[in-house]
Every structure is written in structure tokens, then in C-alpha cells.
Amino acid sequence: MIALPGGQPGANHLGDDPRIIELLQTFYHQGKYIAAICAAPKVLARAGLLRGKKATSFPGSLSAAELEGVDYVEHSIVHDGTIITSRGPGTAMDFALYLIELLLDRGRRDQVEQALQRGSLIHNA
């Protein structure tokens, strides 16, 4: 698996690097997982890997040209074939846990989540 971090201008720099585009295309043709979060799905679009796929990204980070041929959906995490995309900072933890489950198993994912001490954010007395 290769996982691309989001944020700008980093996503633009990744998308402008022909070595990154070639690596992504190689992974895709080898059937390996490719994940991208926040603005990084634009790199997958530039590599031609989102055409005919469902995908998501940080709102407004993909141009109309980059969205051409993409079934864009506003979900936290979208998994279509070997491509996994996520919205942004607010979905990062769930995205990471999903990738752990995908690569390892549900038990390992649950162990990591439990160790994070995630729980209810609000307690009304």
C-alpha cells in the first residue's frame, strides 16, 4: 500500500512529480492498495486513477477537470476497488483505523482504537 497525506501545497507537489505519478500507476496496475486523504486525491486524479471510480476529498480541493469521470461522493471514507479516499483532518483517525483493518484485521484495528482511548467527547453532569 501507498498512502498519500493531504494538505497544501504538499498535494500539489506530489501531483507535479512524475516519479510519484509513475509509482501510483505501477501500484494500481499491480492491484496494490492506494490511499489518499484531504487534498491528496487530486494526485490520484492527475495519475488518471479516479476515472470511473467513487471517491471523496476535502471539499473544493479537486478542480472540475480533475473531477471529470469521477463519481464524487461526500462520505468520510470511500473504498472503490484498490483506491481508498477520505475527506480530511476530521476523518483522519477513522481513515487510519480503516487502513489498519484492511491491511491486518478487525482485531488489530480494535486493539489500536482501544489504546487510543477514544470515547464520548461530551459528558453532561
Protein backbone atom coordinates (compact mmCIF):
# COMPACT_ATOMS: atom_id res chain seq x y z
CA MET A 1 0.00 0.00 0.00
CA ILE A 2 0.94 3.57 -0.57
CA ALA A 3 -0.87 6.28 1.42
CA LEU A 4 -0.69 9.92 0.40
CA PRO A 5 -1.02 12.62 3.06
CA GLY A 6 -3.23 15.60 2.42
CA GLY A 7 -2.68 19.29 2.81
CA GLN A 8 -1.42 22.01 0.55
CA PRO A 9 0.93 22.75 -1.03
CA GLY A 10 2.13 19.17 -0.46
CA ALA A 11 -0.58 17.54 -2.55
CA ASN A 12 0.26 19.81 -5.49
CA HIS A 13 3.96 18.99 -5.15
CA LEU A 14 3.20 15.24 -5.14
CA GLY A 15 0.96 15.62 -8.19
CA ASP A 16 3.62 17.58 -10.06
CA ASP A 17 6.28 14.90 -9.55
CA PRO A 18 6.36 12.42 -12.47
CA ARG A 19 8.06 9.83 -10.23
CA ILE A 20 5.07 9.85 -7.88
CA ILE A 21 2.61 9.58 -10.77
CA GLU A 22 4.57 6.64 -12.21
CA LEU A 23 4.74 4.92 -8.81
CA LEU A 24 0.99 5.30 -8.31
CA GLN A 25 0.23 3.92 -11.76
CA THR A 26 2.54 0.96 -11.11
CA PHE A 27 0.85 0.21 -7.78
CA TYR A 28 -2.56 0.48 -9.43
CA HIS A 29 -1.69 -1.90 -12.27
CA GLN A 30 -0.22 -4.36 -9.76
CA GLY A 31 -3.51 -4.35 -7.83
CA LYS A 32 -1.99 -2.79 -4.71
CA TYR A 33 -3.94 -0.52 -2.41
CA ILE A 34 -3.59 3.24 -2.83
CA ALA A 35 -4.96 5.57 -0.17
CA ALA A 36 -5.26 9.36 -0.17
CA ILE A 37 -6.78 11.83 2.26
CA CYS A 38 -7.77 15.51 2.22
CA ALA A 39 -6.32 17.20 -0.90
CA ALA A 40 -4.24 14.16 -1.93
CA PRO A 41 -6.98 12.52 -4.05
CA LYS A 42 -6.10 15.23 -6.61
CA VAL A 43 -2.80 13.36 -7.09
CA LEU A 44 -4.74 10.19 -7.91
CA ALA A 45 -6.87 12.19 -10.35
CA ARG A 46 -3.75 13.56 -12.07
CA ALA A 47 -2.46 9.99 -12.38
CA GLY A 48 -5.74 9.01 -14.07
CA LEU A 49 -6.66 6.58 -11.29
CA LEU A 50 -10.03 8.04 -10.29
CA ARG A 51 -11.78 7.79 -13.66
CA GLY A 52 -14.83 5.59 -13.28
CA LYS A 53 -14.31 5.36 -9.51
CA LYS A 54 -16.20 6.62 -6.49
CA ALA A 55 -14.00 8.96 -4.47
CA THR A 56 -14.06 11.76 -1.95
CA SER A 57 -11.68 14.53 -0.87
CA PHE A 58 -11.50 17.72 1.13
CA PRO A 59 -14.34 19.93 -0.18
CA GLY A 60 -13.18 22.08 -3.09
CA SER A 61 -9.74 20.51 -3.41
CA LEU A 62 -10.44 18.90 -6.80
CA SER A 63 -10.94 21.09 -9.86
CA ALA A 64 -13.70 20.46 -12.38
CA ALA A 65 -11.12 18.94 -14.74
CA GLU A 66 -9.82 16.63 -12.01
CA LEU A 67 -13.39 15.56 -11.21
CA GLU A 68 -14.10 14.58 -14.82
CA GLY A 69 -15.09 10.92 -14.90
CA VAL A 70 -15.08 10.64 -11.10
CA ASP A 71 -18.19 9.59 -9.17
CA TYR A 72 -17.60 12.12 -6.38
CA VAL A 73 -19.39 11.39 -3.11
CA GLU A 74 -19.35 13.28 0.18
CA HIS A 75 -18.63 10.39 2.54
CA SER A 76 -15.94 10.22 5.23
CA ILE A 77 -14.16 7.27 3.61
CA VAL A 78 -14.72 5.79 0.16
CA HIS A 79 -13.26 2.44 -0.88
CA ASP A 80 -13.62 1.53 -4.56
CA GLY A 81 -11.51 -1.38 -5.76
CA THR A 82 -7.94 -0.73 -4.63
CA ILE A 83 -8.49 3.03 -4.18
CA ILE A 84 -9.35 4.41 -0.74
CA THR A 85 -10.03 8.14 -0.28
CA SER A 86 -11.04 10.22 2.73
CA ARG A 87 -12.24 13.78 3.38
CA GLY A 88 -9.66 15.40 5.64
CA PRO A 89 -8.45 16.14 9.17
CA GLY A 90 -11.79 15.29 10.78
CA THR A 91 -11.79 11.83 9.22
CA ALA A 92 -8.08 11.06 9.64
CA MET A 93 -8.39 8.77 12.68
CA ASP A 94 -11.20 6.71 11.17
CA PHE A 95 -9.24 6.58 7.90
CA ALA A 96 -6.14 5.28 9.70
CA LEU A 97 -8.17 2.67 11.59
CA TYR A 98 -9.85 1.56 8.37
CA LEU A 99 -6.45 1.08 6.70
CA ILE A 100 -5.23 -0.97 9.68
CA GLU A 101 -8.28 -3.22 9.40
CA LEU A 102 -7.84 -3.53 5.64
CA LEU A 103 -4.16 -4.46 5.86
CA LEU A 104 -4.30 -6.57 9.03
CA ASP A 105 -7.65 -7.50 10.57
CA ARG A 106 -10.53 -6.21 12.67
CA GLY A 107 -8.94 -7.44 15.89
CA ARG A 108 -5.76 -5.42 15.36
CA ARG A 109 -7.83 -2.38 14.42
CA ASP A 110 -9.84 -2.74 17.63
CA GLN A 111 -6.63 -3.05 19.68
CA VAL A 112 -5.28 0.18 18.23
CA GLU A 113 -8.56 2.01 18.71
CA GLN A 114 -8.83 0.85 22.32
CA ALA A 115 -5.28 2.02 23.02
CA LEU A 116 -6.22 5.45 21.68
CA GLN A 117 -8.81 5.82 24.46
CA ARG A 118 -11.39 7.18 22.04
CA GLY A 119 -14.74 7.63 23.68
CA SER A 120 -17.53 10.11 24.02
CA LEU A 121 -16.27 13.66 23.71
CA ILE A 122 -19.04 15.13 25.85
CA HIS A 123 -20.13 14.21 29.35
CA ASN A 124 -23.09 16.06 30.78
CA ALA A 125 -23.16 16.04 34.58
